[in-house]
Protein backbone atom coordinates (compact mmCIF):
# COMPACT_ATOMS: atom_id res chain seq x y z
CA MET A 1 -50.16 32.20 -5.76
CA ARG A 2 -47.95 33.12 -8.70
CA LEU A 3 -48.21 35.47 -11.65
CA GLU A 4 -47.79 34.47 -15.28
CA VAL A 5 -46.87 37.41 -17.51
CA TRP A 6 -46.76 38.06 -21.25
CA CYS A 7 -45.83 41.38 -22.86
CA LYS A 8 -45.02 42.89 -26.25
CA SER A 9 -44.52 46.39 -27.63
CA ASP A 10 -44.82 47.52 -31.27
CA LYS A 11 -44.15 50.94 -32.79
CA GLY A 12 -47.27 50.65 -34.91
CA LEU A 13 -47.69 51.57 -38.57
CA ARG A 14 -47.59 55.39 -38.43
CA ARG A 15 -44.79 56.23 -36.00
CA GLU A 16 -41.06 56.34 -36.69
CA SER A 17 -40.10 55.26 -33.17
CA ASN A 18 -41.57 53.57 -30.12
CA GLN A 19 -42.07 55.92 -27.16
CA ASP A 20 -43.67 53.23 -24.97
CA SER A 21 -41.72 51.50 -22.21
CA PHE A 22 -42.57 48.54 -20.00
CA LEU A 23 -41.13 46.73 -17.01
CA ILE A 24 -41.45 43.18 -15.69
CA ASN A 25 -39.79 42.54 -12.34
CA ARG A 26 -41.03 39.24 -10.95
CA ASP A 27 -38.86 39.46 -7.82
CA LEU A 28 -40.49 42.75 -6.82
CA GLY A 29 -43.92 41.74 -8.09
CA LEU A 30 -43.84 44.92 -10.19
CA PHE A 31 -45.27 45.33 -13.69
CA VAL A 32 -45.44 48.66 -15.54
CA VAL A 33 -46.49 50.16 -18.88
CA ALA A 34 -45.71 53.78 -19.79
CA ASP A 35 -46.54 55.83 -22.89
CA GLY A 36 -44.25 58.83 -23.42
CA MET A 37 -45.12 62.20 -24.90
CA GLY A 38 -43.18 65.28 -25.87
CA GLY A 39 -41.81 64.53 -29.31
CA HIS A 40 -39.64 61.76 -30.68
CA GLN A 41 -36.81 61.97 -28.16
CA GLY A 42 -38.74 63.41 -25.22
CA GLY A 43 -41.36 60.68 -25.16
CA GLU A 44 -38.79 57.90 -25.22
CA VAL A 45 -36.75 59.52 -22.46
CA ALA A 46 -39.75 60.23 -20.23
CA SER A 47 -41.29 56.75 -20.38
CA SER A 48 -37.94 55.05 -19.88
CA MET A 49 -37.05 57.29 -16.93
CA ALA A 50 -40.46 56.72 -15.34
CA VAL A 51 -40.32 52.93 -15.29
CA LYS A 52 -36.66 52.77 -14.25
CA THR A 53 -37.09 55.33 -11.48
CA ALA A 54 -40.20 53.60 -10.12
CA GLU A 55 -38.42 50.24 -10.08
CA GLU A 56 -35.35 51.69 -8.37
CA PHE A 57 -37.42 53.54 -5.77
CA ILE A 58 -39.58 50.54 -4.87
CA MET A 59 -36.56 48.23 -4.73
CA ASN A 60 -34.58 50.53 -2.44
CA LYS A 61 -37.26 52.23 -0.35
CA GLN A 62 -39.95 49.62 0.27
CA HIS A 63 -38.65 49.02 3.80
CA LEU A 64 -39.40 52.68 4.63
CA PHE A 65 -43.09 52.48 3.69
CA PRO A 66 -45.12 49.80 5.51
CA ASN A 67 -48.22 50.96 3.64
CA PRO A 68 -47.85 49.99 -0.06
CA ARG A 69 -50.13 52.87 -1.08
CA ASP A 70 -47.60 55.35 0.28
CA LEU A 71 -44.71 53.51 -1.36
CA LEU A 72 -46.36 53.54 -4.79
CA ALA A 73 -47.47 57.16 -4.58
CA LYS A 74 -43.91 58.14 -3.66
CA ALA A 75 -42.50 56.07 -6.55
CA PHE A 76 -44.69 57.99 -9.00
CA GLU A 77 -43.73 61.26 -7.31
CA GLU A 78 -40.02 60.48 -7.61
CA SER A 79 -40.43 59.61 -11.30
CA CYS A 80 -42.31 62.84 -11.85
CA HIS A 81 -39.66 64.95 -10.12
CA ARG A 82 -36.76 63.42 -12.02
CA ILE A 83 -38.40 63.83 -15.44
CA TYR A 84 -39.47 67.40 -14.75
CA ASP A 85 -36.10 68.40 -13.30
CA ARG A 86 -34.19 66.93 -16.22
CA SER A 87 -36.23 68.82 -18.82
CA HIS A 88 -36.05 72.09 -16.88
CA ASN A 89 -32.52 71.98 -15.48
CA GLU A 90 -30.41 69.60 -17.57
CA SER A 91 -31.93 69.08 -21.02
CA PRO A 92 -34.03 72.06 -22.12
CA GLU A 93 -34.49 70.48 -25.54
CA LEU A 94 -36.73 67.95 -23.76
CA MET A 95 -38.98 70.63 -22.25
CA GLY A 96 -42.59 69.49 -22.11
CA MET A 97 -41.88 65.77 -22.00
CA GLY A 98 -43.96 63.51 -19.80
CA THR A 99 -45.52 60.09 -19.76
CA THR A 100 -48.54 58.09 -18.74
CA MET A 101 -47.87 55.17 -16.41
CA VAL A 102 -49.92 52.23 -15.18
CA MET A 103 -48.52 49.87 -12.58
CA LEU A 104 -49.45 46.56 -11.02
CA TYR A 105 -47.78 45.72 -7.71
CA LEU A 106 -48.11 42.48 -5.78
CA HIS A 107 -47.79 42.75 -2.00
CA GLY A 108 -48.88 40.11 0.49
CA LYS A 109 -52.40 38.96 -0.32
CA SER A 110 -53.25 42.11 -2.25
CA ILE A 111 -52.61 43.50 -5.71
CA TYR A 112 -52.27 47.25 -6.20
CA LEU A 113 -53.22 49.00 -9.43
CA CYS A 114 -51.86 52.51 -10.06
CA ASN A 115 -52.53 54.99 -12.83
CA VAL A 116 -51.62 58.40 -14.19
CA GLY A 117 -52.78 59.35 -17.69
CA ASP A 118 -54.79 57.38 -20.24
CA SER A 119 -52.96 54.08 -20.38
CA ARG A 120 -55.25 51.46 -18.85
CA ILE A 121 -55.56 48.40 -16.67
CA TYR A 122 -58.43 46.01 -17.34
CA LEU A 123 -59.59 43.07 -15.23
CA PHE A 124 -60.75 39.85 -16.87
CA ARG A 125 -62.63 37.38 -14.73
CA LYS A 126 -64.13 34.92 -17.17
CA PRO A 127 -66.42 35.79 -18.92
CA ASN A 128 -66.46 39.39 -17.65
CA PHE A 129 -64.07 42.16 -18.69
CA TRP A 130 -63.99 45.71 -17.42
CA GLN A 131 -61.72 48.75 -17.15
CA ILE A 132 -60.35 49.19 -13.63
CA THR A 133 -58.42 52.45 -14.04
CA GLU A 134 -59.95 55.80 -14.89
CA ASP A 135 -58.56 57.76 -17.84
CA HIS A 136 -57.09 61.15 -17.00
CA SER A 137 -58.08 62.69 -20.32
CA LEU A 138 -60.13 65.65 -21.48
CA VAL A 139 -62.64 63.47 -23.30
CA ASP A 140 -63.14 61.18 -20.32
CA GLU A 141 -63.64 64.10 -17.95
CA GLN A 142 -66.24 65.56 -20.32
CA LEU A 143 -67.94 62.18 -20.53
CA ARG A 144 -68.02 61.69 -16.75
CA ALA A 145 -69.39 65.19 -16.28
CA GLY A 146 -72.23 64.43 -18.69
CA LEU A 147 -71.14 67.15 -21.12
CA ILE A 148 -70.85 64.71 -24.01
CA SER A 149 -72.42 61.34 -24.77
CA GLU A 150 -70.78 58.01 -25.64
CA GLU A 151 -71.82 58.62 -29.26
CA GLN A 152 -69.92 61.93 -29.33
CA VAL A 153 -66.64 60.49 -28.08
CA LYS A 154 -65.38 59.40 -31.54
CA SER A 155 -65.79 62.88 -33.00
CA PHE A 156 -64.59 64.77 -29.90
CA VAL A 157 -61.96 67.41 -30.67
CA GLY A 158 -58.90 66.96 -28.47
CA LYS A 159 -59.57 63.30 -27.82
CA ASN A 160 -55.87 62.67 -27.26
CA VAL A 161 -55.40 65.45 -24.67
CA ILE A 162 -54.48 64.02 -21.26
CA THR A 163 -55.07 65.98 -18.07
CA ARG A 164 -52.57 64.22 -15.82
CA SER A 165 -49.11 62.88 -16.63
CA VAL A 166 -45.81 61.96 -15.01
CA GLY A 167 -43.19 64.68 -15.49
CA TYR A 168 -44.99 67.40 -17.42
CA GLU A 169 -45.50 69.20 -14.12
CA ARG A 170 -43.30 68.60 -11.10
CA ASP A 171 -46.03 67.06 -8.95
CA VAL A 172 -48.72 64.57 -9.81
CA ILE A 173 -51.64 62.82 -8.13
CA VAL A 174 -51.73 59.06 -8.67
CA ASP A 175 -54.77 56.81 -8.42
CA VAL A 176 -54.09 53.68 -6.33
CA ILE A 177 -56.57 50.80 -6.13
CA GLU A 178 -56.16 47.78 -3.85
CA ARG A 179 -57.76 44.43 -4.67
CA PRO A 180 -57.47 41.02 -2.97
CA LEU A 181 -55.49 38.44 -4.90
CA GLN A 182 -57.85 35.95 -6.49
CA SER A 183 -56.76 32.93 -8.50
CA GLY A 184 -57.92 33.10 -12.10
CA ASP A 185 -58.01 36.90 -12.28
CA CYS A 186 -56.24 38.32 -15.32
CA PHE A 187 -55.09 41.91 -15.75
CA LEU A 188 -54.39 43.59 -19.07
CA LEU A 189 -52.15 46.67 -18.98
CA CYS A 190 -51.92 48.69 -22.19
CA SER A 191 -51.03 52.00 -23.77
CA ASP A 192 -53.72 53.82 -25.73
CA GLY A 193 -52.28 52.35 -28.91
CA LEU A 194 -54.53 49.41 -28.06
CA SER A 195 -57.53 51.04 -26.35
CA GLY A 196 -57.68 53.80 -28.98
CA MET A 197 -57.76 51.34 -31.86
CA VAL A 198 -59.70 48.35 -30.47
CA ASN A 199 -62.87 48.80 -28.42
CA ASP A 200 -63.42 47.03 -25.11
CA ALA A 201 -65.97 44.60 -26.54
CA ASN A 202 -63.50 43.33 -29.15
CA ILE A 203 -60.67 43.04 -26.60
CA ALA A 204 -63.01 41.05 -24.34
CA SER A 205 -63.97 38.79 -27.24
CA LEU A 206 -60.32 38.02 -27.96
CA ILE A 207 -59.53 37.23 -24.33
CA ASN A 208 -62.59 35.01 -23.91
CA LYS A 209 -61.72 32.78 -26.85
CA LEU A 210 -57.92 32.62 -26.56
CA GLU A 211 -55.44 30.94 -24.26
CA PRO A 212 -53.61 33.51 -22.06
CA ALA A 213 -50.31 33.07 -23.93
CA ALA A 214 -51.98 34.16 -27.19
CA VAL A 215 -53.72 37.29 -25.87
CA VAL A 216 -50.90 39.82 -26.27
CA ASP A 217 -50.12 38.99 -29.90
CA ALA A 218 -53.80 38.94 -30.80
CA CYS A 219 -54.41 42.36 -29.25
CA ILE A 220 -51.45 43.94 -31.04
CA ASP A 221 -52.43 42.32 -34.34
CA SER A 222 -55.93 43.73 -33.94
CA ALA A 223 -54.60 47.24 -33.22
CA LEU A 224 -52.40 47.08 -36.32
CA ALA A 225 -55.26 45.74 -38.45
CA ASN A 226 -57.37 48.71 -37.36
CA GLY A 227 -54.77 51.20 -38.52
CA GLY A 228 -51.90 50.99 -36.04
CA ASP A 229 -51.90 54.77 -35.62
CA ASP A 230 -49.84 54.75 -32.41
CA ASN A 231 -47.24 52.75 -30.55
CA VAL A 232 -48.95 49.85 -28.83
CA THR A 233 -47.85 47.97 -25.73
CA VAL A 234 -49.86 45.16 -24.15
CA MET A 235 -49.06 43.24 -20.97
CA TYR A 236 -51.20 40.36 -19.75
CA VAL A 237 -50.89 39.12 -16.17
CA LYS A 238 -52.63 36.01 -14.87
CA VAL A 239 -52.96 35.15 -11.18
CA SER A 240 -52.71 31.38 -10.77
């Protein structure tokens, strides 16, 4: 099987810079989207460091970890340590920076999906579309605990507060999901510049009616049409 990949990032209509980063490494079977936080410079630095460190770690250390789950968890951990240490020991002006990160990793006959923060990975298996990762955010935790309803989510105070990130603290817990490779499966990785502006039903509608090569542009156009309040990065991966 092979993977076809499309990706695009846009700074949106309200932000002066783009603090999102992404990575496509076909040789490693590694695909990443990260959404930085911590101010203009901090967010850019954190997301860029996260994806580069993860790529470097997986490239150089994969032979040491027969279990891909361990390899990926360690890659996130290394990214977290480097970002935290830089802001605390080398660049105090970047104190408080961190980033979300979602990752798709192909290994053998399996595909691994990893997440920290509120960037997302969705699975599309025609005609069905659902969120695979779980948001690490205050609003999502309140929703899962039954403290608020779906109807209250839009008006929830602190909707943008995330409860887990790469680099804000020195250690982080990463969610890792393993799925068997299946031809025809499509995965959409995105920052919350998409999921916060376009609901799942509308994203699903776009994917169902469009050819794969048109999905990324259509999603970003929809996010911008709905206000474009944040940087938006969309990656679409098809197993074929």
